[in-house]
Amino acid sequence: MPSDSNIGRGETSAEKIANHDRLIAMGDAVNRRHETAAGQRPKRHRRVWLRRSLIAVGVVIVLIVGGVAADYFYLGSLVNKVNVKHLQQSSAASENILLIGSTTRCGLKQQNAAYGTCAEGVTGVNSDIDMILHLDPATRSVSLLSIPRDTFVPNARIIGANKVDAALYEGPSQLITAIEEDFAIPINNYVELNFDTFANVVNALGGVKMYFPIPIYDAESDLNIEHAGCYDLNGFHALQLVRARHLQIQPTPSNHDPHTWTFETLSDLARIRRTHEFLRVLAAKVATRGLSNPLTDQSIMTAVLPSLTVDSGFGEPKMVSLAETYAHTSIANVPQYTYPVSDVQTGSLLYQGYYYGDVVFPIQPNGVRAVDTIFDVKPGMDSFTGKALPSPSSVKLTVENGTGVTNQAALIANPLRAKGFDVLSSGDVTPDGPVSETVVWYGGPPPPANADWTSPSLAAAESVLNQLAGPAILGYNPDKVTPGATVTVQTGTSLTAIPGTTSTTTTTKATHKHTSKTTTTTGPTTTTTAAEPPGMRGNPDFTAPSAVNEALQPWDPRACNAAGTGPAT
């Protein structure tokens, strides 16, 4: 069996990581310019073990585990609490928990040169992974949705557009605002993890074992698998794996120089795929441990909880309640999806005079259908409130050509008018850049600080977005909405209108059955895609839309068999 020493050639230099972080967070200088700009908004039983209750990732996994009734408040006191605004009130119908993996170095209790240190100038704070944990108490089912970190969204910053991962630079409240306003996904609670949390969870469980079918290498994360086989991964090595998004794959068995190996092309999307598989393997390890020994459990939690941050409303009683409800849920059987996007193939995105580095655009109708499937939103319903969307005739909208393509506004306005929308006018605006995404702008009052938010204009914008195909997303900005209209569509590159009636979802939501036994079988590895929007076909500016649930590739690590000699079957 290969040893741990083969996993990395040594610690990555702090200088290399610092430089790399400046590149992947491109726009950091742009991000700082947003700091002082004006915003768009005024803007039981004695032993209740919380085993396997909330399992999710950023660069990390959350295991919220309590102890006996006398101890869980003590353990809960170890968790860092922050005041987070714009969270929605929890409902009996469902719960959405935003789990993010923070890249903060300055926030780590102990600096590690392998990650780059705060003193060396690695001061960026991004949400490297954004995952939404959806809980359905009626069926006791769980699903996960990852939003790619480079997804370009209109409300990432208080002042406007950026990658979604850049929202965390202005705090968790801004990240939640971006997800709620741009994706129409309500967030009820917030959990933040960092490098330490991830490594501590893996180490506390005694490490995990994964099978690597092909030698792979990542110079940035320092992952280096020299031989195929099962490897024991401790926290540091597991972190190398889930951070790897510049992967190189050995092309032939005779080529032993990793610097010449073939680069994987999907970057962050491929990393999400591997992270989902890592979670399944880690969940199986959790299940074998059982987490039923009070001393062991408290030892694990005292190592993990101090590096975990949650919103101030996510108290110990709620953690206990959720844990009791989902105690028999294993992430090994939890559907894990990724919001469908397309890579923008133009190099660094030029948007309103600034460059933002490599970005991806959300793709419709694939994205809307994925959200509706994952969160069990019925056709014609509002994904934010669960209520019926407004009738087309009640939606007053304008369409503005945001690309300069001849007659584009009319090509979108006419089909919307034919479907019953009250199209007031169409016209032209200055393009944001040579390649842009369509934004369905809406206004109305902004969400209050800490209360339920229902916005008729958001629901109206959703009903319009449901009729569009191509790179498109929602956006909140009253100044962008034409006076007298509820919604303004600013058209972007390769946009088309969906012909005929509204399409229904083509993906199938996995069914979940609650039993008293926890299962740990390997999760789904099938690819679920929707048809490529017509306007994007053959356009060299975009890659094909990504899969909602992509299959593992031949080089991806996976679970080992019980003997530790090969892949699980």
Protein backbone atom coordinates (compact mmCIF):
# COMPACT_ATOMS: atom_id res chain seq x y z
CA MET A 1 0.00 0.00 0.00
CA PRO A 2 1.43 3.45 -0.85
CA SER A 3 2.51 5.47 2.14
CA ASP A 4 1.55 8.98 3.16
CA SER A 5 4.96 10.25 2.14
CA ASN A 6 4.09 9.76 -1.53
CA ILE A 7 1.15 12.14 -1.38
CA GLY A 8 3.14 15.37 -1.36
CA ARG A 9 6.68 16.30 -2.42
CA GLY A 10 6.88 18.73 0.48
CA GLU A 11 5.12 21.85 1.61
CA THR A 12 4.19 24.30 -1.08
CA SER A 13 6.15 27.52 -0.65
CA ALA A 14 4.25 30.36 0.95
CA GLU A 15 5.35 32.63 -1.84
CA LYS A 16 3.89 30.36 -4.52
CA ILE A 17 0.57 30.02 -2.70
CA ALA A 18 0.40 33.75 -2.03
CA ASN A 19 0.95 34.49 -5.71
CA HIS A 20 -1.54 31.83 -6.72
CA ASP A 21 -4.23 33.18 -4.40
CA ARG A 22 -3.75 36.64 -5.86
CA LEU A 23 -4.36 35.19 -9.31
CA ILE A 24 -7.38 33.01 -8.52
CA ALA A 25 -8.96 35.80 -6.51
CA MET A 26 -8.32 38.11 -9.45
CA GLY A 27 -10.32 41.19 -8.93
CA ASP A 28 -9.07 41.41 -5.32
CA ALA A 29 -7.87 44.88 -6.11
CA VAL A 30 -11.23 45.43 -7.72
CA ASN A 31 -12.84 43.95 -4.63
CA ARG A 32 -11.14 46.49 -2.39
CA ARG A 33 -12.44 49.36 -4.48
CA HIS A 34 -15.94 48.25 -3.48
CA GLU A 35 -15.29 48.63 0.23
CA THR A 36 -16.00 52.31 0.55
CA ALA A 37 -18.40 52.70 -2.34
CA ALA A 38 -22.03 53.55 -1.75
CA GLY A 39 -24.26 50.48 -1.57
CA GLN A 40 -27.29 49.73 -3.66
CA ARG A 41 -29.39 49.22 -0.57
CA PRO A 42 -29.98 51.20 2.53
CA LYS A 43 -29.05 48.08 2.25
CA ARG A 44 -34.98 13.90 25.60
CA HIS A 45 -33.61 11.55 26.71
CA ARG A 46 -30.42 11.85 28.71
CA ARG A 47 -28.04 10.83 25.90
CA VAL A 48 -28.86 12.64 22.72
CA TRP A 49 -25.95 12.18 20.36
CA LEU A 50 -25.93 14.47 17.36
CA ARG A 51 -24.16 11.98 15.19
CA ARG A 52 -24.00 12.46 11.45
CA SER A 53 -26.52 15.23 11.78
CA LEU A 54 -25.23 18.00 9.53
CA ILE A 55 -22.55 16.80 7.18
CA ALA A 56 -21.34 19.16 4.50
CA VAL A 57 -18.37 20.87 3.04
CA GLY A 58 -16.57 23.87 2.01
CA VAL A 59 -13.12 22.75 2.15
CA VAL A 60 -14.58 20.93 4.97
CA ILE A 61 -17.28 18.91 6.61
CA VAL A 62 -19.47 19.91 9.49
CA LEU A 63 -20.20 17.36 12.13
CA ILE A 64 -22.28 19.02 14.79
CA VAL A 65 -22.13 16.57 17.61
CA GLY A 66 -23.30 17.11 21.14
CA GLY A 67 -23.08 15.07 24.25
CA VAL A 68 -25.31 14.19 27.15
CA ALA A 69 -27.90 16.79 28.06
CA ALA A 70 -25.61 18.23 30.72
CA ASP A 71 -22.77 18.70 28.24
CA TYR A 72 -24.12 19.84 24.89
CA PHE A 73 -24.45 23.47 25.98
CA TYR A 74 -20.81 23.40 27.02
CA LEU A 75 -19.78 21.99 23.64
CA GLY A 76 -22.00 24.50 21.88
CA SER A 77 -20.24 27.29 23.72
CA LEU A 78 -17.05 26.35 21.90
CA VAL A 79 -18.59 27.32 18.55
CA ASN A 80 -17.92 30.86 17.31
CA LYS A 81 -21.15 32.85 16.88
CA VAL A 82 -21.52 35.81 14.51
CA ASN A 83 -24.37 38.19 13.81
CA VAL A 84 -25.61 37.43 10.29
CA LYS A 85 -28.30 39.53 8.61
CA HIS A 86 -30.86 38.66 5.94
CA LEU A 87 -31.44 35.12 7.17
CA GLN A 88 -35.02 33.94 6.64
CA GLN A 89 -37.18 32.49 9.38
CA SER A 90 -37.12 28.70 9.46
CA SER A 91 -40.33 26.98 8.43
CA ALA A 92 -41.84 23.61 9.14
CA ALA A 93 -41.67 22.80 5.43
CA SER A 94 -37.91 22.98 4.88
CA GLU A 95 -34.59 24.36 6.06
CA ASN A 96 -31.68 25.70 3.99
CA ILE A 97 -28.29 25.95 5.66
CA LEU A 98 -25.49 27.73 3.83
CA LEU A 99 -22.18 25.99 4.47
CA ILE A 100 -19.07 27.72 3.23
CA GLY A 101 -15.38 26.96 3.24
CA SER A 102 -13.44 30.13 3.99
CA THR A 103 -9.96 30.74 2.56
CA THR A 104 -9.02 32.97 5.47
CA ARG A 105 -5.45 32.61 6.68
CA CYS A 106 -5.57 35.49 9.16
CA GLY A 107 -8.54 33.78 10.86
CA LEU A 108 -6.61 30.56 11.57
CA LYS A 109 -5.54 30.08 15.18
CA GLN A 110 -2.19 28.70 14.00
CA GLN A 111 -0.60 29.91 10.79
CA ASN A 112 0.64 27.25 8.38
CA ALA A 113 3.27 28.05 5.78
CA ALA A 114 1.82 25.36 3.51
CA TYR A 115 -1.30 27.50 3.04
CA GLY A 116 0.48 30.84 2.97
CA THR A 117 0.34 33.06 6.05
CA CYS A 118 -1.33 36.30 6.99
CA ALA A 119 2.07 37.87 7.68
CA GLU A 120 3.15 37.07 4.14
CA GLY A 121 0.24 39.01 2.71
CA VAL A 122 -2.19 36.14 2.02
CA THR A 123 -5.07 38.17 3.42
CA GLY A 124 -7.89 37.45 1.00
CA VAL A 125 -11.15 36.12 2.43
CA ASN A 126 -13.23 34.20 -0.11
CA SER A 127 -15.78 31.43 0.16
CA ASP A 128 -13.82 28.75 -1.66
CA ILE A 129 -16.83 26.44 -1.59
CA ASP A 130 -20.48 27.43 -1.23
CA MET A 131 -22.91 24.62 -0.48
CA ILE A 132 -26.56 24.74 0.49
CA LEU A 133 -27.78 21.93 2.71
CA HIS A 134 -31.52 21.43 2.11
CA LEU A 135 -33.44 19.63 4.85
CA ASP A 136 -36.98 18.33 4.43
CA PRO A 137 -38.41 17.34 7.83
CA ALA A 138 -41.53 15.74 6.30
CA THR A 139 -39.47 13.06 4.55
CA ARG A 140 -36.34 13.45 6.70
CA SER A 141 -34.42 13.79 3.47
CA VAL A 142 -31.32 15.84 2.73
CA SER A 143 -29.80 17.21 -0.48
CA LEU A 144 -26.78 19.37 -1.25
CA LEU A 145 -26.32 22.06 -3.89
CA SER A 146 -22.85 23.45 -4.68
CA ILE A 147 -22.53 26.84 -6.35
CA PRO A 148 -19.20 27.11 -8.25
CA ARG A 149 -16.98 29.73 -6.65
CA ASP A 150 -16.31 31.60 -9.92
CA THR A 151 -19.99 32.12 -10.77
CA PHE A 152 -20.37 35.77 -11.78
CA VAL A 153 -23.41 37.33 -10.09
CA PRO A 154 -24.88 40.86 -10.01
CA ASN A 155 -25.11 41.29 -6.22
CA ALA A 156 -21.86 39.72 -5.02
CA ARG A 157 -20.78 43.03 -3.54
CA ILE A 158 -22.76 45.84 -1.96
CA ILE A 159 -21.93 47.96 -4.97
CA GLY A 160 -22.47 45.28 -7.58
CA ALA A 161 -21.18 42.37 -9.63
CA ASN A 162 -18.32 40.00 -8.90
CA LYS A 163 -17.69 36.28 -8.43
CA VAL A 164 -19.93 34.80 -5.77
CA ASP A 165 -16.91 33.75 -3.69
CA ALA A 166 -15.86 37.41 -3.44
CA ALA A 167 -19.01 38.27 -1.46
CA LEU A 168 -17.50 36.93 1.76
CA TYR A 169 -14.92 39.72 1.66
CA GLU A 170 -17.75 41.98 2.84
CA GLY A 171 -18.98 39.46 5.40
CA PRO A 172 -21.41 36.53 5.58
CA SER A 173 -24.47 38.81 5.41
CA GLN A 174 -23.41 39.96 1.94
CA LEU A 175 -22.83 36.39 0.76
CA ILE A 176 -26.32 35.41 1.93
CA THR A 177 -27.74 38.50 0.23
CA ALA A 178 -26.11 37.48 -3.06
CA ILE A 179 -27.50 33.94 -2.94
CA GLU A 180 -31.01 35.07 -1.97
CA GLU A 181 -31.24 37.94 -4.46
CA ASP A 182 -29.51 36.34 -7.44
CA PHE A 183 -30.59 32.69 -7.13
CA ALA A 184 -33.94 33.12 -5.27
CA ILE A 185 -32.84 30.60 -2.65
CA PRO A 186 -33.82 31.47 0.95
CA ILE A 187 -31.13 30.86 3.59
CA ASN A 188 -32.14 30.05 7.18
CA ASN A 189 -28.79 29.41 8.86
CA TYR A 190 -25.09 29.92 8.21
CA VAL A 191 -22.11 27.67 8.96
CA GLU A 192 -18.53 28.66 8.12
CA LEU A 193 -15.52 26.38 8.17
CA ASN A 194 -11.85 26.92 7.47
CA PHE A 195 -8.76 24.84 6.72
CA ASP A 196 -8.33 23.98 10.40
CA THR A 197 -11.88 22.68 10.75
CA PHE A 198 -11.50 20.38 7.80
CA ALA A 199 -8.16 18.96 8.88
CA ASN A 200 -9.33 18.55 12.48
CA VAL A 201 -12.43 16.55 11.44
CA VAL A 202 -10.39 14.18 9.28
CA ASN A 203 -7.70 13.73 11.92
CA ALA A 204 -10.23 13.24 14.70
CA LEU A 205 -11.74 10.38 12.73
CA GLY A 206 -8.34 8.77 12.29
CA GLY A 207 -7.98 9.78 8.63
CA VAL A 208 -9.74 8.38 5.59
CA LYS A 209 -8.71 5.91 2.91
CA MET A 210 -9.21 6.57 -0.81
CA TYR A 211 -8.27 4.75 -3.97
CA PHE A 212 -6.41 6.68 -6.67
CA PRO A 213 -6.71 4.85 -10.02
CA ILE A 214 -4.15 7.00 -11.90
CA PRO A 215 -1.16 9.09 -10.74
CA ILE A 216 -2.20 12.76 -10.44
CA TYR A 217 -0.46 15.97 -9.41
CA ASP A 218 -1.42 19.53 -8.46
CA ALA A 219 1.42 22.02 -8.06
CA GLU A 220 -0.80 24.54 -6.28
CA SER A 221 -2.31 22.30 -3.59
CA ASP A 222 0.85 20.11 -3.51
CA LEU A 223 -1.13 16.92 -4.14
CA ASN A 224 1.21 14.31 -5.60
CA ILE A 225 0.02 10.75 -6.17
CA GLU A 226 2.93 8.86 -7.73
CA HIS A 227 1.36 5.41 -7.93
CA ALA A 228 -2.15 4.02 -8.25
CA GLY A 229 -3.54 2.44 -5.10
CA CYS A 230 -5.29 3.06 -1.77
CA TYR A 231 -3.87 5.87 0.35
CA ASP A 232 -4.40 6.80 3.99
CA LEU A 233 -5.17 10.52 4.02
CA ASN A 234 -4.71 12.57 7.17
CA GLY A 235 -6.24 16.03 7.49
CA PHE A 236 -3.43 17.83 5.68
CA HIS A 237 -3.35 15.39 2.77
CA ALA A 238 -7.14 15.36 2.48
CA LEU A 239 -7.02 19.14 2.27
CA GLN A 240 -4.53 18.84 -0.61
CA LEU A 241 -7.09 16.70 -2.42
CA VAL A 242 -10.19 18.86 -1.96
CA ARG A 243 -8.26 22.05 -2.78
CA ALA A 244 -6.86 20.63 -6.04
CA ARG A 245 -8.30 22.52 -9.01
CA HIS A 246 -5.21 22.65 -11.24
CA LEU A 247 -4.91 18.91 -11.59
CA GLN A 248 -2.48 17.17 -13.94
CA ILE A 249 -3.04 13.55 -14.98
CA GLN A 250 -0.37 11.04 -15.99
CA PRO A 251 -0.93 10.46 -19.75
CA THR A 252 1.10 7.24 -20.04
CA PRO A 253 2.59 4.86 -17.45
CA SER A 254 6.09 5.63 -18.71
CA ASN A 255 5.86 9.38 -18.09
CA HIS A 256 7.03 10.10 -14.54
CA ASP A 257 7.50 13.86 -14.81
CA PRO A 258 4.27 15.37 -13.40
CA HIS A 259 5.12 18.83 -14.72
CA THR A 260 4.56 17.51 -18.25
CA TRP A 261 1.30 15.69 -17.50
CA THR A 262 -2.03 16.63 -19.09
CA PHE A 263 -4.02 19.35 -17.34
CA GLU A 264 -7.62 18.71 -16.39
CA THR A 265 -9.85 21.34 -17.99
CA LEU A 266 -12.78 21.82 -15.59
CA SER A 267 -10.88 23.39 -12.67
CA ASP A 268 -13.34 24.24 -9.88
CA LEU A 269 -16.16 22.12 -11.34
CA ALA A 270 -13.89 19.07 -11.23
CA ARG A 271 -12.87 19.93 -7.69
CA ILE A 272 -16.54 20.04 -6.64
CA ARG A 273 -17.05 16.60 -8.18
CA ARG A 274 -14.11 15.15 -6.22
CA THR A 275 -15.17 16.93 -3.03
CA HIS A 276 -18.62 15.36 -3.26
CA GLU A 277 -17.01 11.92 -3.56
CA PHE A 278 -14.69 12.67 -0.63
CA LEU A 279 -17.74 13.50 1.48
CA ARG A 280 -19.27 10.12 0.70
CA VAL A 281 -16.09 8.36 1.74
CA LEU A 282 -15.80 10.46 4.89
CA ALA A 283 -19.46 9.72 5.72
CA ALA A 284 -18.74 6.01 5.49
CA LYS A 285 -15.88 6.50 7.97
CA VAL A 286 -18.21 8.38 10.32
CA ALA A 287 -20.71 5.52 10.09
CA THR A 288 -18.09 2.90 10.96
CA ARG A 289 -16.98 4.96 13.96
CA GLY A 290 -20.57 5.16 15.15
CA LEU A 291 -19.83 8.22 17.26
CA SER A 292 -21.47 6.61 20.26
CA ASN A 293 -18.73 6.83 22.86
CA PRO A 294 -19.18 9.98 24.98
CA LEU A 295 -15.47 10.41 25.64
CA THR A 296 -14.52 9.90 22.00
CA ASP A 297 -17.26 12.18 20.72
CA GLN A 298 -16.37 14.99 23.07
CA SER A 299 -12.72 14.61 22.16
CA ILE A 300 -13.60 14.99 18.47
CA MET A 301 -15.87 17.95 19.05
CA THR A 302 -13.51 19.88 21.32
CA ALA A 303 -10.95 19.60 18.52
CA VAL A 304 -13.39 20.74 15.82
CA LEU A 305 -15.89 23.20 17.28
CA PRO A 306 -13.51 26.08 18.15
CA SER A 307 -12.75 26.52 14.43
CA LEU A 308 -16.44 26.42 13.44
CA THR A 309 -18.48 29.62 12.99
CA VAL A 310 -22.29 29.75 12.89
CA ASP A 311 -24.89 32.50 12.90
CA SER A 312 -25.96 33.66 16.34
CA GLY A 313 -29.47 32.22 15.87
CA PHE A 314 -28.19 28.71 15.25
CA GLY A 315 -28.24 27.70 18.90
CA GLU A 316 -27.60 24.40 20.63
CA PRO A 317 -31.29 23.47 21.05
CA LYS A 318 -31.85 23.82 17.29
CA MET A 319 -28.75 21.74 16.58
CA VAL A 320 -30.07 19.04 18.88
CA SER A 321 -33.51 19.14 17.26
CA LEU A 322 -32.11 18.86 13.73
CA ALA A 323 -29.76 16.10 14.79
CA GLU A 324 -32.58 14.07 16.27
CA THR A 325 -34.61 14.47 13.06
CA TYR A 326 -31.76 13.54 10.71
CA ALA A 327 -29.77 11.20 12.94
CA HIS A 328 -30.11 8.31 10.49
CA THR A 329 -29.20 10.25 7.37
CA SER A 330 -25.86 9.44 5.79
CA ILE A 331 -24.31 11.77 3.26
CA ALA A 332 -23.25 8.65 1.37
CA ASN A 333 -26.85 8.49 0.13
CA VAL A 334 -27.51 12.22 -0.08
CA PRO A 335 -27.96 13.65 -3.60
CA GLN A 336 -25.18 16.14 -4.26
CA TYR A 337 -25.73 18.58 -7.12
CA THR A 338 -23.84 21.44 -8.73
CA TYR A 339 -25.52 24.55 -10.14
CA PRO A 340 -25.04 24.31 -13.94
CA VAL A 341 -22.71 26.90 -15.44
CA SER A 342 -20.66 27.56 -18.55
CA ASP A 343 -17.01 28.59 -18.65
CA VAL A 344 -16.47 31.95 -20.30
CA GLN A 345 -13.70 31.33 -22.85
CA THR A 346 -12.42 34.89 -23.24
CA GLY A 347 -9.63 34.98 -20.68
CA SER A 348 -10.15 37.50 -17.92
CA LEU A 349 -13.74 38.80 -18.04
CA LEU A 350 -13.99 42.48 -18.90
CA TYR A 351 -17.03 43.95 -17.14
CA GLN A 352 -17.76 47.68 -16.94
CA GLY A 353 -14.10 48.52 -17.45
CA TYR A 354 -12.61 46.08 -14.92
CA TYR A 355 -11.11 42.62 -15.35
CA TYR A 356 -12.37 39.82 -13.10
CA GLY A 357 -10.27 36.82 -14.11
CA ASP A 358 -11.71 33.45 -15.10
CA VAL A 359 -15.44 33.30 -14.49
CA VAL A 360 -18.41 31.04 -15.19
CA PHE A 361 -21.94 32.15 -16.02
CA PRO A 362 -25.10 30.44 -14.66
CA ILE A 363 -27.04 28.73 -17.44
CA GLN A 364 -30.81 28.68 -17.90
CA PRO A 365 -33.18 26.92 -17.98
CA ASN A 366 -30.81 24.32 -16.50
CA GLY A 367 -30.18 26.31 -13.31
CA VAL A 368 -33.83 27.06 -12.57
CA ARG A 369 -34.74 23.43 -13.15
CA ALA A 370 -31.94 22.20 -10.91
CA VAL A 371 -33.07 24.45 -8.03
CA ASP A 372 -36.69 23.41 -8.49
CA THR A 373 -35.70 19.74 -8.47
CA ILE A 374 -33.39 19.89 -5.47
CA PHE A 375 -35.70 22.03 -3.35
CA ASP A 376 -38.86 20.28 -4.58
CA VAL A 377 -40.40 23.41 -6.08
CA LYS A 378 -43.49 22.58 -8.12
CA PRO A 379 -43.96 24.10 -11.61
CA GLY A 380 -45.33 27.61 -11.42
CA MET A 381 -44.21 28.09 -7.81
CA ASP A 382 -41.83 30.66 -6.33
CA SER A 383 -38.59 28.99 -5.18
CA PHE A 384 -38.14 31.64 -2.49
CA THR A 385 -41.56 31.54 -0.82
CA GLY A 386 -43.16 28.35 -2.13
CA LYS A 387 -46.18 30.38 -3.25
CA ALA A 388 -47.59 30.62 -6.76
CA LEU A 389 -45.71 32.84 -9.21
CA PRO A 390 -47.67 35.82 -10.55
CA SER A 391 -49.56 35.43 -13.80
CA PRO A 392 -47.66 36.75 -16.86
CA SER A 393 -50.30 39.41 -17.50
CA SER A 394 -49.59 40.96 -14.07
CA VAL A 395 -45.86 41.36 -14.81
CA LYS A 396 -44.94 44.68 -16.40
CA LEU A 397 -41.51 44.47 -17.99
CA THR A 398 -39.11 46.15 -20.35
CA VAL A 399 -36.37 44.54 -22.43
CA GLU A 400 -33.04 46.29 -23.07
CA ASN A 401 -30.46 45.14 -25.60
CA GLY A 402 -27.25 44.81 -23.58
CA THR A 403 -25.04 43.36 -26.33
CA GLY A 404 -25.37 45.60 -29.37
CA VAL A 405 -26.57 42.61 -31.41
CA THR A 406 -29.07 43.92 -33.95
CA ASN A 407 -32.71 43.50 -32.91
CA GLN A 408 -31.91 41.34 -29.85
CA ALA A 409 -34.34 43.18 -27.56
CA ALA A 410 -37.25 42.58 -29.95
CA LEU A 411 -36.27 38.92 -30.39
CA ILE A 412 -36.73 38.45 -26.64
CA ALA A 413 -39.62 40.86 -26.09
CA ASN A 414 -41.89 39.37 -28.75
CA PRO A 415 -41.95 35.79 -27.39
CA LEU A 416 -42.50 37.11 -23.85
CA ARG A 417 -45.37 39.24 -25.09
CA ALA A 418 -46.82 36.21 -26.87
CA LYS A 419 -46.79 34.32 -23.57
CA GLY A 420 -48.90 37.02 -21.95
CA PHE A 421 -46.30 39.24 -20.26
CA ASP A 422 -47.08 42.96 -20.31
CA VAL A 423 -44.03 44.18 -22.27
CA LEU A 424 -44.02 47.98 -22.01
CA SER A 425 -41.06 48.70 -24.27
CA SER A 426 -37.75 47.49 -25.68
CA GLY A 427 -34.58 49.45 -26.34
CA ASP A 428 -30.80 49.55 -26.00
CA VAL A 429 -28.27 50.13 -23.21
CA THR A 430 -24.48 50.31 -23.17
CA PRO A 431 -23.04 46.76 -23.08
CA ASP A 432 -21.23 45.78 -19.86
CA GLY A 433 -18.47 44.13 -21.90
CA PRO A 434 -17.78 42.11 -25.04
CA VAL A 435 -19.29 38.98 -23.41
CA SER A 436 -22.01 39.31 -20.78
CA GLU A 437 -24.73 37.40 -18.99
CA THR A 438 -28.38 38.37 -19.14
CA VAL A 439 -29.70 39.92 -15.94
CA VAL A 440 -33.39 40.00 -15.01
CA TRP A 441 -33.38 43.12 -12.85
CA TYR A 442 -36.05 43.71 -10.23
CA GLY A 443 -36.58 46.31 -7.49
CA GLY A 444 -38.97 46.74 -4.62
CA PRO A 445 -37.98 47.02 -0.97
CA PRO A 446 -34.75 45.24 0.05
CA PRO A 447 -34.91 42.36 2.52
CA PRO A 448 -35.01 43.49 6.16
CA ALA A 449 -32.06 42.74 8.43
CA ASN A 450 -33.39 39.64 10.19
CA ALA A 451 -36.88 38.67 9.11
CA ASP A 452 -38.85 36.88 6.43
CA TRP A 453 -38.65 38.62 3.09
CA THR A 454 -41.35 38.26 0.47
CA SER A 455 -40.84 40.38 -2.64
CA PRO A 456 -43.52 40.51 -5.35
CA SER A 457 -40.88 41.90 -7.71
CA LEU A 458 -38.57 38.93 -7.04
CA ALA A 459 -41.42 36.54 -7.85
CA ALA A 460 -42.12 38.49 -11.04
CA ALA A 461 -38.44 38.30 -12.00
CA GLU A 462 -38.47 34.54 -11.40
CA SER A 463 -41.44 34.12 -13.72
CA VAL A 464 -39.53 35.95 -16.47
CA LEU A 465 -36.25 34.09 -15.89
CA ASN A 466 -38.18 30.83 -16.28
CA GLN A 467 -38.79 31.77 -19.92
CA LEU A 468 -35.15 32.44 -20.88
CA ALA A 469 -32.41 30.17 -22.20
CA GLY A 470 -28.70 30.88 -22.05
CA PRO A 471 -26.34 32.64 -19.60
CA ALA A 472 -28.85 34.44 -17.35
CA ILE A 473 -29.50 35.26 -13.71
CA LEU A 474 -31.63 37.40 -11.41
CA GLY A 475 -30.37 40.73 -10.06
CA TYR A 476 -31.67 43.17 -7.43
CA ASN A 477 -31.19 46.85 -8.25
CA PRO A 478 -34.15 49.27 -8.33
CA ASP A 479 -32.06 51.74 -10.36
CA LYS A 480 -31.83 49.22 -13.21
CA VAL A 481 -35.61 48.81 -13.50
CA THR A 482 -37.38 51.10 -15.97
CA PRO A 483 -39.86 53.41 -14.17
CA GLY A 484 -43.34 51.92 -14.37
CA ALA A 485 -42.03 48.38 -14.87
CA THR A 486 -41.70 45.58 -12.32
CA VAL A 487 -38.85 43.86 -14.15
CA THR A 488 -36.25 44.89 -16.73
CA VAL A 489 -34.43 42.26 -18.79
CA GLN A 490 -30.94 43.39 -19.81
CA THR A 491 -30.00 40.94 -22.53
CA GLY A 492 -26.59 39.31 -22.69
CA THR A 493 -24.61 37.09 -25.03
CA SER A 494 -26.35 34.07 -26.64
CA LEU A 495 -29.75 34.65 -25.06
CA THR A 496 -32.91 33.08 -26.49
CA ALA A 497 -36.49 32.79 -25.27
CA ILE A 498 -37.93 29.36 -24.54
CA PRO A 499 -40.56 28.63 -27.19
CA GLY A 500 -44.08 27.49 -26.39
CA THR A 501 -45.18 26.82 -22.84
CA THR A 502 -42.93 26.61 -19.81
CA SER A 503 -40.79 23.47 -19.81
CA THR A 504 -40.98 21.10 -16.90
CA THR A 505 -37.92 19.70 -15.19
CA THR A 506 -36.16 16.74 -16.80
CA THR A 507 -34.12 15.73 -13.79
CA THR A 508 -35.46 13.30 -11.23
CA LYS A 509 -35.23 13.99 -7.54
CA ALA A 510 -33.89 11.06 -5.58
CA THR A 511 -36.32 9.57 -3.11
CA HIS A 512 -35.33 9.12 0.51
CA LYS A 513 -36.66 6.64 2.97
CA HIS A 514 -36.13 7.11 6.68
CA THR A 515 -35.27 3.91 8.48
CA SER A 516 -33.62 3.07 11.75
CA LYS A 517 -30.54 1.85 9.97
CA THR A 518 -27.89 4.11 8.48
CA THR A 519 -26.67 3.02 5.06
CA THR A 520 -23.28 3.90 3.64
CA THR A 521 -23.39 2.81 0.04
CA THR A 522 -21.64 4.91 -2.57
CA GLY A 523 -23.77 7.76 -3.83
CA PRO A 524 -24.91 8.46 -7.38
CA THR A 525 -22.32 8.99 -10.10
CA THR A 526 -24.61 9.54 -13.06
CA THR A 527 -24.51 12.67 -15.17
CA THR A 528 -27.67 14.75 -15.28
CA THR A 529 -27.75 17.47 -17.95
CA ALA A 530 -30.29 19.52 -19.81
CA ALA A 531 -30.18 20.43 -23.48
CA GLU A 532 -27.71 23.15 -24.41
CA PRO A 533 -29.56 26.47 -24.88
CA PRO A 534 -29.91 27.12 -28.64
CA GLY A 535 -28.12 30.45 -28.63
CA MET A 536 -24.99 28.93 -27.12
CA ARG A 537 -24.53 26.14 -29.64
CA GLY A 538 -21.27 26.58 -31.47
CA ASN A 539 -20.46 29.83 -29.65
CA PRO A 540 -16.68 29.76 -28.96
CA ASP A 541 -17.14 32.18 -26.05
CA PHE A 542 -18.67 29.41 -23.91
CA THR A 543 -18.11 25.79 -23.00
CA ALA A 544 -21.08 23.44 -22.97
CA PRO A 545 -23.19 23.76 -19.79
CA SER A 546 -21.87 21.72 -16.89
CA ALA A 547 -23.70 18.71 -15.52
CA VAL A 548 -25.92 18.96 -12.46
CA ASN A 549 -24.59 15.64 -11.19
CA GLU A 550 -21.43 14.65 -13.01
CA ALA A 551 -20.01 11.14 -13.03
CA LEU A 552 -16.56 10.47 -11.61
CA GLN A 553 -13.81 10.52 -14.21
CA PRO A 554 -11.29 7.66 -14.62
CA TRP A 555 -8.61 9.59 -12.72
CA ASP A 556 -10.83 10.68 -9.80
CA PRO A 557 -10.16 9.13 -6.36
CA ARG A 558 -12.93 7.04 -4.83
CA ALA A 559 -13.67 4.69 -1.94
CA CYS A 560 -11.32 1.78 -1.27
CA ASN A 561 -12.60 -1.75 -0.84
CA ALA A 562 -12.71 -3.28 2.64
CA ALA A 563 -9.30 -4.90 2.14
CA GLY A 564 -7.71 -1.60 1.16
CA THR A 565 -6.27 -3.11 -2.01
CA GLY A 566 -8.41 -1.52 -4.71
CA PRO A 567 -11.58 0.43 -5.47
CA ALA A 568 -14.88 -0.38 -3.81
CA THR A 569 -17.31 -2.18 -6.07
